[in-house]
Protein backbone atom coordinates (compact mmCIF):
# COMPACT_ATOMS: atom_id res chain seq x y z
CA MET A 1 -142.75 39.23 -58.43
CA GLU A 2 -139.60 39.24 -57.50
CA SER A 3 -137.74 37.51 -60.58
CA ILE A 4 -138.09 38.23 -64.27
CA LYS A 5 -136.46 36.06 -67.22
CA LEU A 6 -136.14 37.38 -70.77
CA LYS A 7 -134.96 36.45 -73.69
CA SER A 8 -132.92 39.37 -75.62
CA ARG A 9 -132.41 38.44 -79.27
CA ALA A 10 -129.67 39.59 -81.78
CA LYS A 11 -130.05 41.87 -84.41
CA ILE A 12 -128.78 41.78 -88.11
CA ASN A 13 -128.59 45.01 -90.80
CA LEU A 14 -130.02 43.91 -93.84
CA SER A 15 -128.34 47.58 -95.03
CA ILE A 16 -126.41 50.33 -93.86
CA ASP A 17 -125.75 53.30 -95.40
CA VAL A 18 -123.81 56.64 -94.43
CA VAL A 19 -125.16 59.67 -95.54
CA GLY A 20 -123.78 62.36 -93.61
CA LYS A 21 -122.84 63.69 -90.82
CA ARG A 22 -123.84 65.83 -87.68
CA GLU A 23 -121.91 68.91 -86.22
CA ASP A 24 -120.61 66.33 -83.38
CA ASN A 25 -118.99 64.04 -85.95
CA TYR A 26 -121.52 61.58 -85.02
CA ASN A 27 -122.30 59.43 -89.09
CA LEU A 28 -125.63 59.92 -90.10
CA VAL A 29 -127.32 56.31 -91.41
CA GLN A 30 -129.69 54.50 -93.18
CA MET A 31 -129.62 50.73 -91.82
CA ILE A 32 -132.60 48.41 -92.15
CA MET A 33 -132.50 46.21 -88.86
CA GLN A 34 -133.94 42.75 -88.40
CA SER A 35 -134.21 41.04 -84.95
CA ILE A 36 -133.26 37.10 -85.28
CA ASP A 37 -133.82 34.30 -82.58
CA LEU A 38 -130.63 34.20 -81.58
CA PHE A 39 -130.57 35.03 -77.91
CA ASP A 40 -129.19 35.48 -74.43
CA ILE A 41 -131.02 35.20 -71.51
CA ILE A 42 -131.60 37.77 -68.94
CA GLU A 43 -132.21 36.57 -65.40
CA LEU A 44 -133.04 39.73 -62.59
CA LYS A 45 -133.90 38.88 -59.04
CA GLU A 46 -134.57 41.70 -56.43
CA LEU A 47 -132.28 42.03 -53.61
CA VAL A 48 -133.13 43.08 -49.99
CA GLU A 49 -129.89 45.22 -50.01
CA ASN A 50 -129.87 48.28 -52.21
CA LYS A 51 -127.11 47.83 -54.66
CA ILE A 52 -126.61 46.45 -58.47
CA ILE A 53 -124.91 43.00 -58.91
CA VAL A 54 -124.21 41.88 -62.55
CA LYS A 55 -122.81 38.07 -63.00
CA SER A 56 -122.38 35.82 -66.17
CA ASN A 57 -121.70 32.39 -67.67
CA SER A 58 -119.05 34.38 -69.95
CA GLY A 59 -115.60 35.41 -68.66
CA ASP A 60 -115.30 37.85 -71.56
CA ILE A 61 -117.59 40.27 -70.42
CA PRO A 62 -117.43 43.61 -67.39
CA LEU A 63 -119.83 41.91 -64.35
CA ASP A 64 -119.04 46.23 -62.78
CA GLY A 65 -120.10 49.62 -63.63
CA ASP A 66 -118.99 49.46 -67.06
CA ASN A 67 -121.38 46.91 -68.37
CA ILE A 68 -124.14 48.45 -70.35
CA VAL A 69 -126.88 46.01 -67.94
CA PHE A 70 -125.21 47.48 -64.77
CA LYS A 71 -126.11 51.33 -66.49
CA ALA A 72 -129.13 49.98 -67.49
CA ALA A 73 -130.50 49.28 -64.01
CA SER A 74 -128.83 51.98 -62.59
CA LEU A 75 -130.30 54.71 -64.81
CA ILE A 76 -134.19 53.35 -64.02
CA LYS A 77 -133.43 52.59 -60.53
CA ASP A 78 -132.41 56.61 -60.29
CA LYS A 79 -135.10 57.98 -62.20
CA TYR A 80 -137.60 56.17 -60.34
CA LYS A 81 -135.91 56.60 -56.97
CA ILE A 82 -136.14 52.71 -56.79
CA ASP A 83 -134.45 51.34 -53.40
CA LYS A 84 -134.32 47.87 -53.85
CA GLY A 85 -131.28 45.88 -55.13
CA MET A 86 -130.85 43.51 -58.46
CA GLU A 87 -128.82 40.72 -59.20
CA ILE A 88 -128.69 40.48 -62.87
CA PHE A 89 -127.26 37.43 -64.19
CA ILE A 90 -126.66 37.07 -68.16
CA THR A 91 -126.36 33.86 -69.77
CA LYS A 92 -124.61 34.84 -73.31
CA ASN A 93 -124.96 32.88 -76.54
CA ILE A 94 -124.87 35.90 -78.72
CA PRO A 95 -121.30 36.46 -79.66
CA ILE A 96 -119.31 39.85 -78.11
CA ALA A 97 -118.41 42.49 -79.95
CA ALA A 98 -119.81 41.12 -83.06
CA GLY A 99 -122.17 43.54 -84.80
CA LEU A 100 -125.50 41.99 -83.40
CA ALA A 101 -125.83 44.22 -80.56
CA GLY A 102 -125.91 41.78 -77.86
CA GLY A 103 -124.80 44.25 -75.44
CA SER A 104 -127.56 47.20 -76.38
CA SER A 105 -130.20 44.21 -76.39
CA ASN A 106 -129.20 42.62 -73.21
CA ALA A 107 -129.72 46.28 -71.84
CA ALA A 108 -133.12 46.45 -73.49
CA ALA A 109 -133.77 43.46 -71.76
CA VAL A 110 -133.15 44.91 -68.24
CA LEU A 111 -135.22 47.90 -69.14
CA VAL A 112 -138.04 45.85 -69.93
CA GLY A 113 -137.71 43.34 -66.91
CA LEU A 114 -137.28 46.11 -64.35
CA ASN A 115 -140.47 47.83 -65.85
CA GLU A 116 -142.50 44.95 -65.26
CA LEU A 117 -141.13 43.74 -61.94
CA TRP A 118 -141.11 47.21 -60.61
CA ASN A 119 -144.60 48.07 -61.89
CA LEU A 120 -143.54 51.45 -63.72
CA ASN A 121 -146.07 51.45 -66.26
CA LEU A 122 -143.81 52.57 -68.70
CA THR A 123 -144.80 52.66 -72.50
CA GLU A 124 -142.70 51.39 -75.23
CA THR A 125 -141.95 54.61 -76.30
CA GLU A 126 -141.09 55.41 -72.91
CA LEU A 127 -138.83 52.49 -72.86
CA GLN A 128 -136.88 53.64 -76.05
CA GLU A 129 -136.40 57.08 -74.57
CA LEU A 130 -134.71 56.07 -71.32
CA GLY A 131 -132.79 53.47 -73.65
CA LEU A 132 -131.44 55.87 -76.29
CA LYS A 133 -129.31 57.06 -72.88
CA LEU A 134 -127.61 53.88 -72.92
CA GLY A 135 -127.04 53.37 -76.97
CA ALA A 136 -128.16 54.11 -80.25
CA ASP A 137 -129.25 50.37 -81.05
CA VAL A 138 -131.34 49.66 -77.84
CA PRO A 139 -134.38 51.66 -78.55
CA PHE A 140 -134.14 49.02 -81.78
CA CYS A 141 -133.56 46.36 -79.86
CA ILE A 142 -136.87 47.06 -77.01
CA SER A 143 -139.18 46.74 -79.73
CA GLY A 144 -137.36 44.23 -82.31
CA ARG A 145 -139.78 44.46 -85.09
CA PRO A 146 -138.11 45.26 -88.24
CA ALA A 147 -137.10 49.11 -88.91
CA LEU A 148 -135.31 51.70 -91.09
CA ALA A 149 -133.03 53.34 -88.51
CA GLU A 150 -132.25 57.09 -89.43
CA ASN A 151 -130.08 59.99 -87.88
CA ILE A 152 -127.94 58.01 -85.72
CA GLY A 153 -129.72 54.83 -85.51
CA GLU A 154 -132.67 56.09 -83.13
CA ARG A 155 -135.47 57.01 -85.55
CA LEU A 156 -137.47 54.14 -86.24
CA THR A 157 -139.45 53.55 -88.81
CA TYR A 158 -141.13 50.36 -88.69
CA ILE A 159 -141.14 47.67 -91.95
CA ASN A 160 -142.10 44.58 -93.14
CA GLY A 161 -139.38 42.94 -92.53
CA LEU A 162 -137.95 38.82 -93.88
CA PRO A 163 -140.44 36.52 -94.77
CA LYS A 164 -141.77 34.56 -91.44
CA ASN A 165 -138.96 31.56 -91.03
CA THR A 166 -136.47 32.86 -92.77
CA ASN A 167 -133.63 30.65 -92.14
CA ILE A 168 -130.28 32.61 -91.46
CA VAL A 169 -126.97 31.46 -90.78
CA VAL A 170 -124.31 33.49 -88.44
CA CYS A 171 -120.77 33.45 -88.40
CA LYS A 172 -118.26 35.08 -86.37
CA PRO A 173 -114.64 34.40 -86.80
CA ASN A 174 -112.23 35.58 -83.70
CA ILE A 175 -111.54 38.76 -84.37
CA PHE A 176 -112.62 42.24 -82.56
CA VAL A 177 -113.49 44.81 -84.49
CA SER A 178 -114.08 48.54 -83.08
CA THR A 179 -117.37 50.27 -84.61
CA LYS A 180 -115.30 53.49 -83.56
CA GLU A 181 -112.48 52.40 -85.91
CA VAL A 182 -114.13 51.69 -88.68
CA TYR A 183 -116.37 54.54 -88.96
CA GLU A 184 -113.12 57.03 -88.65
CA ASN A 185 -111.42 54.86 -91.51
CA LEU A 186 -114.54 54.98 -93.69
CA ASN A 187 -114.22 57.02 -96.69
CA MET A 188 -117.41 57.34 -98.74
CA SER A 189 -115.08 57.70 -102.41
CA ASP A 190 -114.11 54.32 -101.76
CA VAL A 191 -117.49 53.10 -101.91
CA LYS A 192 -118.66 51.60 -105.42
CA THR A 193 -122.06 50.20 -104.31
CA ARG A 194 -124.36 52.32 -102.09
CA PRO A 195 -127.69 50.02 -101.02
CA ASP A 196 -130.86 51.58 -102.48
CA THR A 197 -132.94 51.65 -98.94
CA SER A 198 -136.12 52.69 -100.42
CA CYS A 199 -136.01 50.18 -103.16
CA LEU A 200 -134.87 47.55 -100.65
CA ILE A 201 -137.73 48.08 -97.93
CA GLU A 202 -140.10 47.68 -101.26
CA ARG A 203 -138.87 44.38 -101.95
CA LEU A 204 -139.87 43.78 -98.26
CA GLY A 205 -142.84 44.44 -98.29
CA GLU A 206 -143.69 42.04 -101.63
CA GLY A 207 -141.80 39.21 -100.03
CA ASP A 208 -139.56 39.06 -102.43
CA LEU A 209 -136.65 37.05 -100.66
CA VAL A 210 -134.39 36.71 -103.75
CA SER A 211 -134.20 40.22 -104.61
CA VAL A 212 -133.75 41.56 -101.07
CA CYS A 213 -130.40 39.34 -101.10
CA ASN A 214 -129.50 41.11 -104.21
CA ASP A 215 -130.05 44.55 -102.67
CA MET A 216 -128.23 43.98 -99.26
CA VAL A 217 -125.13 46.27 -99.16
CA ASN A 218 -123.44 47.49 -96.01
CA VAL A 219 -120.91 49.93 -96.71
CA LEU A 220 -118.83 49.43 -93.86
CA GLU A 221 -117.89 46.10 -95.23
CA THR A 222 -115.34 48.18 -97.71
CA VAL A 223 -113.17 49.14 -94.38
CA THR A 224 -113.59 45.87 -92.17
CA SER A 225 -113.37 43.52 -94.90
CA LYS A 226 -110.25 44.87 -96.29
CA LYS A 227 -108.91 44.84 -92.68
CA TYR A 228 -109.93 41.12 -92.29
CA PRO A 229 -110.07 38.61 -94.99
CA GLU A 230 -111.66 36.04 -92.99
CA ILE A 231 -115.09 38.24 -93.67
CA LYS A 232 -114.80 37.56 -97.39
CA GLU A 233 -113.76 33.85 -96.93
CA ILE A 234 -116.89 33.27 -94.51
CA GLU A 235 -119.11 35.03 -97.18
CA ASP A 236 -117.59 32.90 -100.10
CA ILE A 237 -118.52 29.90 -98.30
CA MET A 238 -121.68 30.74 -97.96
CA ARG A 239 -122.31 32.00 -101.15
CA GLU A 240 -122.25 28.01 -102.28
CA ASP A 241 -125.48 27.31 -100.51
CA ALA A 242 -126.71 30.82 -99.48
CA ILE A 243 -128.92 33.25 -102.03
CA GLY A 244 -127.44 36.36 -99.82
CA THR A 245 -124.80 37.13 -97.77
CA MET A 246 -123.39 40.19 -96.08
CA MET A 247 -121.73 41.38 -92.92
CA SER A 248 -123.78 42.45 -90.45
CA GLY A 249 -122.98 46.13 -88.35
CA SER A 250 -119.41 47.15 -88.11
CA GLY A 251 -118.98 43.35 -88.11
CA PRO A 252 -117.03 40.75 -88.13
CA THR A 253 -120.21 38.47 -88.35
CA VAL A 254 -121.01 37.25 -91.20
CA PHE A 255 -124.60 35.93 -92.02
CA GLY A 256 -126.34 34.14 -94.94
CA ILE A 257 -130.05 33.84 -95.80
CA PHE A 258 -131.18 30.60 -97.15
CA ASN A 259 -134.35 28.91 -99.12
CA ASN A 260 -134.26 25.91 -96.66
CA GLU A 261 -133.17 25.02 -93.31
CA VAL A 262 -131.05 21.91 -95.42
CA ASP A 263 -128.71 24.18 -97.03
CA ALA A 264 -128.70 25.99 -93.83
CA ARG A 265 -127.80 22.86 -91.79
CA LYS A 266 -125.29 22.12 -95.01
CA CYS A 267 -123.71 25.47 -95.01
CA SER A 268 -122.99 25.84 -90.89
CA ILE A 269 -121.06 22.28 -91.12
CA LYS A 270 -118.78 23.60 -93.83
CA LEU A 271 -118.41 27.09 -91.34
CA LYS A 272 -117.57 24.83 -88.56
CA GLU A 273 -115.01 23.17 -89.78
CA GLN A 274 -112.90 26.34 -89.58
CA TYR A 275 -114.96 28.52 -87.35
CA ASN A 276 -116.01 27.64 -83.38
CA GLN A 277 -118.99 30.49 -83.24
CA VAL A 278 -121.11 29.25 -86.22
CA PHE A 279 -125.43 29.50 -85.44
CA VAL A 280 -128.79 28.28 -87.71
CA THR A 281 -131.47 30.55 -86.72
CA THR A 282 -134.29 32.38 -88.39
CA ASN A 283 -135.83 36.17 -88.12
CA SER A 284 -138.23 37.10 -85.45
CA ASP A 285 -140.31 40.33 -84.60
CA LYS A 286 -139.48 40.67 -81.56
CA GLY A 287 -136.33 42.08 -79.30
CA VAL A 288 -137.09 41.38 -76.07
CA GLU A 289 -139.54 38.73 -74.64
CA VAL A 290 -140.56 37.95 -70.96
CA ILE A 291 -140.24 34.43 -70.67
CA VAL A 292 -140.99 33.60 -66.79
């Protein structure tokens, strides 16, 4: 096998809570993470020359050593002393810097793909341990199964996610948010409502979509939506047809959950009058998937 193609899926958060800080000042979190069927395509091709080349259809991402996929390929090459080169082509569909873990998902796909391509026979757990060196979301993206993520987001407990084929609309306004700045500006004394994470997990187990939507809370929204009124504007539009809506990650992407595809499509048409990056999708239980 000299090449492989993979789907690299986005994620949304059904809840985010900050429960403390580590000594190194990293925030301790509790998050419920859910993969969605919005994905980039990652193509890996072996090169005779022993170097890593990154290409993309997007002009908005770095194509050098600053790209997390370059770092992922370097990590696995160095660790397992692989003396082959690799060309990585990223077809971007997931909005960039959006709170959807697009970069982490791309890195996860590179690790999974190179494990296959180079017959390394690493287990999912071993791949996740490697992925953690690249970022806290990468271990989740490798499996993609719904999970409670704790500590800095890397400690995963797999749970029931949204009911199969839940209709979701994702909208990213044309603004860029620094996750670091959001966490730095978070003041938990400003947070009036925090998620009841164990209750939300229970509701997901029961498949009670309306209760799940009622219980969704993202404490980071207190920071991001204060700075960017577009977030609340998108949520207001979604609420006309959705059963629940919330910001994902540190933002600025907002998602809505709908009873049916008709309502989801209706909402997407309204949003597209004002926003360019609007997607109608469903949930998934896979993060990375080999296509070819």
